Structure formats: C-alpha cells, structure tokens
Amino acid sequence: MSLSDYRTAVVTGASSGIGAAVAAGLARRGLRVHAAARRKDRLEALARETGCVVHPMDVRDTAALYREFDGRIVDVVVNNAGLGKGFAALHTVAPEDIDTSVDTNVRAVYHLLRAVLPGMVERRRGHVVNIGSMAGLYALQSSVYGGTKAAVHMLSRNLRLELEGTGVRVTEICPGRVNTEFYDVAIDDPRQRSRIKDSGVRELQPEDVAAAVFYALDAPWHVNVNSIELQPVEQIYGGSRFTPVR
C-alpha cells in the first residue's frame, strides 16, 4: 500500500508551514485532501491553489472533529496541528498556555485518530502520520512542549502494537528546527525570540519535512517507516560536550 494506492487524506494545521506543504504535495500526487486549520482565509487560498477541501476549525473543538471526520473514508491522516505555547520553564508559564498546548498537541491527536481509525481498520487500509518533534525524544528546556511531543512519540509506538495485523501503518516524523511560524507563537519575549531566530542556524524548510512524510507514505505496502528524525546540520540534540582542560 504505497502513496500511489491512497486516495484521500486529512491534514491538520494545514494553513501554513509543514501542514500546507504536506497538503499541497498530496494534492499534487492526486489525493483528495481534507485540510483542517483555524485560519479560513489561508485555507481558502490553499484550496484555490491545490483543490483541497477545507475544514475551518480549531482542532481543540472535539465535537467539530467528530462532526467533520467521524465515519469519513480516509486513507491517510497527518496529525500536524501543534504549537509551543508555554515554551518557557514550567514554573513560569501561564496555566492557560498549558491547556492550549496539551489540548492541541495531544488531545486533538487522540480524538482525530478515534474518528478515522475504525474505518481504516475495517478496510484494512490506511496510514497514520504523526508530526512529533526532536523535543519529544531529547530533553530541552521546555517541559510543556517537550512533554506533549513525548506523548505523541509514545502514542505512535503503542498504536503500532494495537494495529498489528490490520494493515494500517503508523509513522512518526520528528523534525528539529523548521522555518515556520512556531517561534512567533511559542516565544512571547521579542528579544529572546529574535535571539533564537537570528542564531545563524540554517533551518529546515517545510518542504523538507513534507518530503519525509511522502517517503514514509510511498514505502512498499509491507514496509512501515516507524520514525524519521531530521534536523538542520547546525543543530544537534542529545549528549554532552566537554571542553578538555589544557
């Protein structure tokens, strides 16, 4: 079951960045793409460009998720909607930012999968792609964001076990820094935001992450690409470096 065999896809967070790149790429490959995001104007622009079906909505609205997607025939679901509200240290973040991040990055993923997975299992056909993060695999100074992406990581692993024998594939894509609007939302302090964005790191582009998604989707039917880590050459997670004493 490779990309050429799939017919329909749902992509969340499709109004910009990785989601828009994935939605556009799938549409170019002939899939009927259902693009979900909050910003209706951007979705409509994407629809004019790609012919995708738009679903203006906030993925935190559980009732809307089930209303739009429960029972819908879906071959591919790309859980991309996510944000980094509460990116600072846990003891300093606003309580409402914790709820926003958990509801968007975790709870919405569970509910969308609950809506579409029964049909995939019944048809023995489908592919779940969860956009995680390197922050969900390695420690960094953001308990809220890193914790939500770690939840996506373990969800993906457990889902593979649950779906054994169904023919439904599960892939987690874990990017590092990507040139998107992420830091505009995640970092409130303009000086800190500028320091991060102007660090000199040549970031990944949304199309780089989309290419990883397409690679996983296009694997032969008997191959499951469990996870892909990708990050800029100038960015490295994991391990410690020590300056030798001279």
C-alpha atoms as a PDB file:
ATOM      1  CA  MET A   1       0.000   0.000   0.000  1.00  0.00           C
ATOM      2  CA  SER A   2       2.132   2.880  -1.239  1.00  0.00           C
ATOM      3  CA  LEU A   3       1.322   6.529  -1.855  1.00  0.00           C
ATOM      4  CA  SER A   4       0.006   5.772  -5.331  1.00  0.00           C
ATOM      5  CA  ASP A   5      -2.618   3.462  -3.782  1.00  0.00           C
ATOM      6  CA  TYR A   6      -4.044   6.085  -1.422  1.00  0.00           C
ATOM      7  CA  ARG A   7      -6.977   8.258  -2.454  1.00  0.00           C
ATOM      8  CA  THR A   8      -7.940  10.523   0.461  1.00  0.00           C
ATOM      9  CA  ALA A   9      -6.070  12.347   3.205  1.00  0.00           C
ATOM     10  CA  VAL A  10      -6.763  14.549   6.210  1.00  0.00           C
ATOM     11  CA  VAL A  11      -4.093  17.078   7.169  1.00  0.00           C
ATOM     12  CA  THR A  12      -4.432  19.242  10.279  1.00  0.00           C
ATOM     13  CA  GLY A  13      -2.648  22.535  10.784  1.00  0.00           C
ATOM     14  CA  ALA A  14      -2.795  22.925   7.013  1.00  0.00           C
ATOM     15  CA  SER A  15      -2.966  26.710   6.778  1.00  0.00           C
ATOM     16  CA  SER A  16       0.812  27.242   6.886  1.00  0.00           C
ATOM     17  CA  GLY A  17       4.217  25.653   7.309  1.00  0.00           C
ATOM     18  CA  ILE A  18       4.567  21.881   7.310  1.00  0.00           C
ATOM     19  CA  GLY A  19       0.822  21.261   7.069  1.00  0.00           C
ATOM     20  CA  ALA A  20       0.421  23.435   3.978  1.00  0.00           C
ATOM     21  CA  ALA A  21       3.445  21.800   2.319  1.00  0.00           C
ATOM     22  CA  VAL A  22       2.099  18.309   3.033  1.00  0.00           C
ATOM     23  CA  ALA A  23      -1.419  19.167   1.870  1.00  0.00           C
ATOM     24  CA  ALA A  24      -0.159  20.741  -1.352  1.00  0.00           C
ATOM     25  CA  GLY A  25       2.173  17.827  -2.054  1.00  0.00           C
ATOM     26  CA  LEU A  26      -0.507  15.207  -1.513  1.00  0.00           C
ATOM     27  CA  ALA A  27      -2.913  17.130  -3.745  1.00  0.00           C
ATOM     28  CA  ARG A  28      -0.279  17.258  -6.499  1.00  0.00           C
ATOM     29  CA  ARG A  29       0.016  13.493  -6.187  1.00  0.00           C
ATOM     30  CA  GLY A  30      -3.676  13.107  -6.919  1.00  0.00           C
ATOM     31  CA  LEU A  31      -5.145  12.611  -3.446  1.00  0.00           C
ATOM     32  CA  ARG A  32      -8.334  14.301  -2.330  1.00  0.00           C
ATOM     33  CA  VAL A  33      -7.035  16.299   0.612  1.00  0.00           C
ATOM     34  CA  HIS A  34      -9.172  17.491   3.510  1.00  0.00           C
ATOM     35  CA  ALA A  35      -7.278  20.434   5.005  1.00  0.00           C
ATOM     36  CA  ALA A  36      -8.153  21.499   8.543  1.00  0.00           C
ATOM     37  CA  ALA A  37      -6.960  24.637  10.337  1.00  0.00           C
ATOM     38  CA  ARG A  38      -8.242  27.718  12.151  1.00  0.00           C
ATOM     39  CA  ARG A  39      -7.402  30.387   9.558  1.00  0.00           C
ATOM     40  CA  LYS A  40     -10.148  30.239   6.953  1.00  0.00           C
ATOM     41  CA  ASP A  41      -8.581  32.793   4.614  1.00  0.00           C
ATOM     42  CA  ARG A  42      -5.365  30.804   4.336  1.00  0.00           C
ATOM     43  CA  LEU A  43      -7.235  27.560   3.841  1.00  0.00           C
ATOM     44  CA  GLU A  44      -9.253  29.121   1.042  1.00  0.00           C
ATOM     45  CA  ALA A  45      -6.033  30.306  -0.610  1.00  0.00           C
ATOM     46  CA  LEU A  46      -4.676  26.765  -0.333  1.00  0.00           C
ATOM     47  CA  ALA A  47      -7.888  25.423  -1.855  1.00  0.00           C
ATOM     48  CA  ARG A  48      -7.582  27.770  -4.820  1.00  0.00           C
ATOM     49  CA  GLU A  49      -4.023  26.578  -5.344  1.00  0.00           C
ATOM     50  CA  THR A  50      -4.494  22.848  -4.806  1.00  0.00           C
ATOM     51  CA  GLY A  51      -8.200  21.988  -4.991  1.00  0.00           C
ATOM     52  CA  CYS A  52      -8.236  20.634  -1.448  1.00  0.00           C
ATOM     53  CA  VAL A  53     -11.409  20.508   0.654  1.00  0.00           C
ATOM     54  CA  VAL A  54     -11.226  22.987   3.517  1.00  0.00           C
ATOM     55  CA  HIS A  55     -12.384  22.492   7.103  1.00  0.00           C
ATOM     56  CA  PRO A  56     -12.017  25.764   9.028  1.00  0.00           C
ATOM     57  CA  MET A  57     -11.914  24.652  12.654  1.00  0.00           C
ATOM     58  CA  ASP A  58      -9.945  24.569  15.862  1.00  0.00           C
ATOM     59  CA  VAL A  59      -8.769  21.009  16.481  1.00  0.00           C
ATOM     60  CA  ARG A  60      -9.351  21.583  20.205  1.00  0.00           C
ATOM     61  CA  ASP A  61     -13.073  21.529  19.410  1.00  0.00           C
ATOM     62  CA  THR A  62     -13.651  17.805  19.901  1.00  0.00           C
ATOM     63  CA  ALA A  63     -17.276  17.937  18.755  1.00  0.00           C
ATOM     64  CA  ALA A  64     -16.190  19.587  15.496  1.00  0.00           C
ATOM     65  CA  LEU A  65     -13.528  16.927  14.913  1.00  0.00           C
ATOM     66  CA  TYR A  66     -16.072  14.130  15.139  1.00  0.00           C
ATOM     67  CA  ARG A  67     -18.658  16.067  13.157  1.00  0.00           C
ATOM     68  CA  GLU A  68     -16.235  16.592  10.274  1.00  0.00           C
ATOM     69  CA  PHE A  69     -14.348  13.294  10.225  1.00  0.00           C
ATOM     70  CA  ASP A  70     -16.177  10.534  12.088  1.00  0.00           C
ATOM     71  CA  GLY A  71     -17.077   7.853   9.555  1.00  0.00           C
ATOM     72  CA  ARG A  72     -15.323   9.625   6.676  1.00  0.00           C
ATOM     73  CA  ILE A  73     -13.324   7.342   4.353  1.00  0.00           C
ATOM     74  CA  VAL A  74      -9.715   8.358   4.957  1.00  0.00           C
ATOM     75  CA  ASP A  75      -6.582   6.596   3.701  1.00  0.00           C
ATOM     76  CA  VAL A  76      -4.018   8.956   5.224  1.00  0.00           C
ATOM     77  CA  VAL A  77      -4.220  11.145   8.314  1.00  0.00           C
ATOM     78  CA  VAL A  78      -1.414  13.609   9.037  1.00  0.00           C
ATOM     79  CA  ASN A  79      -1.606  14.933  12.591  1.00  0.00           C
ATOM     80  CA  ASN A  80       0.374  18.119  12.106  1.00  0.00           C
ATOM     81  CA  ALA A  81      -1.503  20.767  14.105  1.00  0.00           C
ATOM     82  CA  GLY A  82       0.662  21.807  17.027  1.00  0.00           C
ATOM     83  CA  LEU A  83       2.121  24.777  18.844  1.00  0.00           C
ATOM     84  CA  GLY A  84       4.551  25.718  21.573  1.00  0.00           C
ATOM     85  CA  LYS A  85       2.549  27.876  23.950  1.00  0.00           C
ATOM     86  CA  GLY A  86       4.125  27.622  27.377  1.00  0.00           C
ATOM     87  CA  PHE A  87       7.580  27.143  25.859  1.00  0.00           C
ATOM     88  CA  ALA A  88       9.264  28.683  28.911  1.00  0.00           C
ATOM     89  CA  ALA A  89      10.117  26.865  32.152  1.00  0.00           C
ATOM     90  CA  LEU A  90       7.075  25.196  33.686  1.00  0.00           C
ATOM     91  CA  HIS A  91       7.127  27.258  36.882  1.00  0.00           C
ATOM     92  CA  THR A  92       6.787  30.469  34.857  1.00  0.00           C
ATOM     93  CA  VAL A  93       4.198  29.620  32.188  1.00  0.00           C
ATOM     94  CA  ALA A  94       0.588  30.774  32.205  1.00  0.00           C
ATOM     95  CA  PRO A  95      -1.796  27.966  33.232  1.00  0.00           C
ATOM     96  CA  GLU A  96      -3.939  28.577  30.145  1.00  0.00           C
ATOM     97  CA  ASP A  97      -0.904  28.001  27.915  1.00  0.00           C
ATOM     98  CA  ILE A  98      -0.508  24.523  29.401  1.00  0.00           C
ATOM     99  CA  ASP A  99      -4.096  23.709  28.455  1.00  0.00           C
ATOM    100  CA  THR A 100      -3.678  25.154  24.958  1.00  0.00           C
ATOM    101  CA  SER A 101      -0.583  23.064  24.246  1.00  0.00           C
ATOM    102  CA  VAL A 102      -1.906  19.829  25.725  1.00  0.00           C
ATOM    103  CA  ASP A 103      -5.288  20.175  24.021  1.00  0.00           C
ATOM    104  CA  THR A 104      -3.770  20.995  20.622  1.00  0.00           C
ATOM    105  CA  ASN A 105      -0.702  18.763  20.604  1.00  0.00           C
ATOM    106  CA  VAL A 106      -2.108  15.698  22.360  1.00  0.00           C
ATOM    107  CA  ARG A 107      -5.841  15.558  22.988  1.00  0.00           C
ATOM    108  CA  ALA A 108      -6.786  16.550  19.425  1.00  0.00           C
ATOM    109  CA  VAL A 109      -4.491  13.867  18.008  1.00  0.00           C
ATOM    110  CA  TYR A 110      -6.224  11.183  20.054  1.00  0.00           C
ATOM    111  CA  HIS A 111      -9.717  12.295  19.068  1.00  0.00           C
ATOM    112  CA  LEU A 112      -8.982  12.622  15.353  1.00  0.00           C
ATOM    113  CA  LEU A 113      -7.495   9.132  15.344  1.00  0.00           C
ATOM    114  CA  ARG A 114     -10.502   7.805  17.227  1.00  0.00           C
ATOM    115  CA  ALA A 115     -12.693   9.261  14.489  1.00  0.00           C
ATOM    116  CA  VAL A 116     -10.856   7.820  11.474  1.00  0.00           C
ATOM    117  CA  LEU A 117      -9.172   4.625  12.692  1.00  0.00           C
ATOM    118  CA  PRO A 118     -12.272   2.387  12.844  1.00  0.00           C
ATOM    119  CA  GLY A 119     -12.780   2.819   9.101  1.00  0.00           C
ATOM    120  CA  MET A 120      -9.106   2.199   8.360  1.00  0.00           C
ATOM    121  CA  VAL A 121      -9.145  -0.997  10.403  1.00  0.00           C
ATOM    122  CA  GLU A 122     -12.357  -2.177   8.774  1.00  0.00           C
ATOM    123  CA  ARG A 123     -10.960  -1.562   5.279  1.00  0.00           C
ATOM    124  CA  ARG A 124      -7.507  -2.871   6.279  1.00  0.00           C
ATOM    125  CA  ARG A 125      -6.051   0.151   4.596  1.00  0.00           C
ATOM    126  CA  GLY A 126      -4.560   3.348   5.943  1.00  0.00           C
ATOM    127  CA  HIS A 127      -1.568   5.284   7.166  1.00  0.00           C
ATOM    128  CA  VAL A 128      -1.248   7.457  10.281  1.00  0.00           C
ATOM    129  CA  VAL A 129       1.484  10.090  10.209  1.00  0.00           C
ATOM    130  CA  ASN A 130       2.083  11.937  13.474  1.00  0.00           C
ATOM    131  CA  ILE A 131       4.269  15.021  13.325  1.00  0.00           C
ATOM    132  CA  GLY A 132       6.251  14.818  16.527  1.00  0.00           C
ATOM    133  CA  SER A 133       9.442  16.677  17.347  1.00  0.00           C
ATOM    134  CA  MET A 134      13.032  16.118  18.346  1.00  0.00           C
ATOM    135  CA  ALA A 135      11.853  17.796  21.565  1.00  0.00           C
ATOM    136  CA  GLY A 136       9.781  14.692  22.272  1.00  0.00           C
ATOM    137  CA  LEU A 137      12.858  12.466  22.047  1.00  0.00           C
ATOM    138  CA  TYR A 138      15.556  14.524  23.752  1.00  0.00           C
ATOM    139  CA  ALA A 139      15.467  16.814  26.779  1.00  0.00           C
ATOM    140  CA  LEU A 140      15.371  20.552  26.279  1.00  0.00           C
ATOM    141  CA  GLN A 141      14.249  23.443  28.450  1.00  0.00           C
ATOM    142  CA  SER A 142      10.523  23.191  27.779  1.00  0.00           C
ATOM    143  CA  SER A 143       8.651  20.725  29.942  1.00  0.00           C
ATOM    144  CA  VAL A 144       5.279  21.644  28.437  1.00  0.00           C
ATOM    145  CA  TYR A 145       6.128  21.431  24.740  1.00  0.00           C
ATOM    146  CA  GLY A 146       8.609  18.583  25.138  1.00  0.00           C
ATOM    147  CA  GLY A 147       6.144  16.668  27.289  1.00  0.00           C
ATOM    148  CA  THR A 148       3.363  16.953  24.723  1.00  0.00           C
ATOM    149  CA  LYS A 149       5.609  15.743  21.922  1.00  0.00           C
ATOM    150  CA  ALA A 150       6.868  12.882  24.068  1.00  0.00           C
ATOM    151  CA  ALA A 151       3.218  11.870  24.417  1.00  0.00           C
ATOM    152  CA  VAL A 152       2.907  11.819  20.617  1.00  0.00           C
ATOM    153  CA  HIS A 153       6.042   9.670  20.465  1.00  0.00           C
ATOM    154  CA  MET A 154       4.666   7.039  22.857  1.00  0.00           C
ATOM    155  CA  LEU A 155       1.221   7.200  21.241  1.00  0.00           C
ATOM    156  CA  SER A 156       2.822   6.339  17.913  1.00  0.00           C
ATOM    157  CA  ARG A 157       4.724   3.400  19.381  1.00  0.00           C
ATOM    158  CA  ASN A 158       1.740   1.989  21.243  1.00  0.00           C
ATOM    159  CA  LEU A 159      -0.510   2.473  18.224  1.00  0.00           C
ATOM    160  CA  ARG A 160       1.811   0.269  16.166  1.00  0.00           C
ATOM    161  CA  LEU A 161       1.226  -2.524  18.688  1.00  0.00           C
ATOM    162  CA  GLU A 162      -2.538  -2.009  18.750  1.00  0.00           C
ATOM    163  CA  LEU A 163      -2.813  -2.061  14.963  1.00  0.00           C
ATOM    164  CA  GLU A 164      -0.746  -5.197  14.422  1.00  0.00           C
ATOM    165  CA  GLY A 165      -2.422  -7.361  11.816  1.00  0.00           C
ATOM    166  CA  THR A 166      -4.736  -4.634  10.493  1.00  0.00           C
ATOM    167  CA  GLY A 167      -2.571  -3.431   7.620  1.00  0.00           C
ATOM    168  CA  VAL A 168      -2.710   0.128   8.958  1.00  0.00           C
ATOM    169  CA  ARG A 169       0.714   1.763   9.121  1.00  0.00           C
ATOM    170  CA  VAL A 170       1.954   4.331  11.654  1.00  0.00           C
ATOM    171  CA  THR A 171       4.839   6.761  11.166  1.00  0.00           C
ATOM    172  CA  GLU A 172       6.215   9.460  13.441  1.00  0.00           C
ATOM    173  CA  ILE A 173       8.147  12.342  11.873  1.00  0.00           C
ATOM    174  CA  CYS A 174      10.432  14.156  14.337  1.00  0.00           C
ATOM    175  CA  PRO A 175      11.900  17.389  12.964  1.00  0.00           C
ATOM    176  CA  GLY A 176      14.218  19.798  14.666  1.00  0.00           C
ATOM    177  CA  ARG A 177      14.075  23.487  13.861  1.00  0.00           C
ATOM    178  CA  VAL A 178      11.885  24.305  10.871  1.00  0.00           C
ATOM    179  CA  ASN A 179      11.386  27.681   9.220  1.00  0.00           C
ATOM    180  CA  THR A 180       7.753  28.172  10.236  1.00  0.00           C
ATOM    181  CA  GLU A 181       5.737  30.473  12.493  1.00  0.00           C
ATOM    182  CA  PHE A 182       6.460  28.246  15.520  1.00  0.00           C
ATOM    183  CA  TYR A 183       8.632  30.680  17.470  1.00  0.00           C
ATOM    184  CA  ASP A 184       6.325  33.599  16.728  1.00  0.00           C
ATOM    185  CA  VAL A 185       3.698  31.789  18.802  1.00  0.00           C
ATOM    186  CA  ALA A 186       5.934  29.992  21.286  1.00  0.00           C
ATOM    187  CA  ILE A 187       8.191  32.843  22.468  1.00  0.00           C
ATOM    188  CA  ASP A 188       6.499  35.892  23.991  1.00  0.00           C
ATOM    189  CA  ASP A 189       9.676  37.881  24.727  1.00  0.00           C
ATOM    190  CA  PRO A 190      10.633  39.635  21.447  1.00  0.00           C
ATOM    191  CA  ARG A 191      14.310  39.804  22.390  1.00  0.00           C
ATOM    192  CA  GLN A 192      14.500  36.093  23.153  1.00  0.00           C
ATOM    193  CA  ARG A 193      12.519  35.288  20.020  1.00  0.00           C
ATOM    194  CA  SER A 194      14.870  37.375  17.903  1.00  0.00           C
ATOM    195  CA  ARG A 195      17.923  35.752  19.507  1.00  0.00           C
ATOM    196  CA  ILE A 196      16.635  32.280  18.625  1.00  0.00           C
ATOM    197  CA  LYS A 197      15.501  33.145  15.111  1.00  0.00           C
ATOM    198  CA  ASP A 198      18.719  35.016  14.295  1.00  0.00           C
ATOM    199  CA  SER A 199      21.068  32.363  15.701  1.00  0.00           C
ATOM    200  CA  GLY A 200      22.584  31.631  12.302  1.00  0.00           C
ATOM    201  CA  VAL A 201      21.213  28.092  12.089  1.00  0.00           C
ATOM    202  CA  ARG A 202      20.012  27.278   8.575  1.00  0.00           C
ATOM    203  CA  GLU A 203      16.674  25.767   9.457  1.00  0.00           C
ATOM    204  CA  LEU A 204      14.787  23.021   7.700  1.00  0.00           C
ATOM    205  CA  GLN A 205      12.116  24.168   5.279  1.00  0.00           C
ATOM    206  CA  PRO A 206       8.524  22.871   5.480  1.00  0.00           C
ATOM    207  CA  GLU A 207       9.108  21.090   2.186  1.00  0.00           C
ATOM    208  CA  ASP A 208      11.987  19.130   3.758  1.00  0.00           C
ATOM    209  CA  VAL A 209       9.642  17.712   6.382  1.00  0.00           C
ATOM    210  CA  ALA A 210       6.933  17.104   3.781  1.00  0.00           C
ATOM    211  CA  ALA A 211       9.438  15.086   1.747  1.00  0.00           C
ATOM    212  CA  ALA A 212       9.988  12.826   4.776  1.00  0.00           C
ATOM    213  CA  VAL A 213       6.228  12.327   5.026  1.00  0.00           C
ATOM    214  CA  PHE A 214       5.986  11.381   1.366  1.00  0.00           C
ATOM    215  CA  TYR A 215       8.916   8.972   1.711  1.00  0.00           C
ATOM    216  CA  ALA A 216       7.122   7.105   4.502  1.00  0.00           C
ATOM    217  CA  LEU A 217       3.817   7.059   2.642  1.00  0.00           C
ATOM    218  CA  ASP A 218       5.445   5.796  -0.539  1.00  0.00           C
ATOM    219  CA  ALA A 219       7.188   2.806   1.065  1.00  0.00           C
ATOM    220  CA  PRO A 220       6.065  -0.591  -0.269  1.00  0.00           C
ATOM    221  CA  TRP A 221       2.975  -1.946   1.459  1.00  0.00           C
ATOM    222  CA  HIS A 222       4.979  -4.426   3.549  1.00  0.00           C
ATOM    223  CA  VAL A 223       7.286  -1.688   4.902  1.00  0.00           C
ATOM    224  CA  ASN A 224       6.410   0.512   7.875  1.00  0.00           C
ATOM    225  CA  VAL A 225       8.674   3.509   8.370  1.00  0.00           C
ATOM    226  CA  ASN A 226       8.407   3.711  12.144  1.00  0.00           C
ATOM    227  CA  SER A 227      10.058   7.082  12.653  1.00  0.00           C
ATOM    228  CA  ILE A 228      12.212   9.664  10.943  1.00  0.00           C
ATOM    229  CA  GLU A 229      14.442  12.167  12.751  1.00  0.00           C
ATOM    230  CA  LEU A 230      15.639  15.140  10.745  1.00  0.00           C
ATOM    231  CA  GLN A 231      17.200  18.406  11.777  1.00  0.00           C
ATOM    232  CA  PRO A 232      19.485  21.130  10.471  1.00  0.00           C
ATOM    233  CA  VAL A 233      23.142  20.238  10.142  1.00  0.00           C
ATOM    234  CA  GLU A 234      23.975  23.048  12.589  1.00  0.00           C
ATOM    235  CA  GLN A 235      21.554  21.755  15.245  1.00  0.00           C
ATOM    236  CA  ILE A 236      22.353  18.720  17.402  1.00  0.00           C
ATOM    237  CA  TYR A 237      20.303  17.104  20.183  1.00  0.00           C
ATOM    238  CA  GLY A 238      21.499  14.567  22.710  1.00  0.00           C
ATOM    239  CA  GLY A 239      24.756  14.007  24.564  1.00  0.00           C
ATOM    240  CA  SER A 240      27.091  16.408  26.312  1.00  0.00           C
ATOM    241  CA  ARG A 241      30.219  18.166  25.155  1.00  0.00           C
ATOM    242  CA  PHE A 242      33.115  18.907  27.481  1.00  0.00           C
ATOM    243  CA  THR A 243      35.972  21.274  26.826  1.00  0.00           C
ATOM    244  CA  PRO A 244      39.214  19.492  27.744  1.00  0.00           C
ATOM    245  CA  VAL A 245      41.404  21.119  30.383  1.00  0.00           C
ATOM    246  CA  ARG A 246      44.641  22.410  28.872  1.00  0.00           C
END
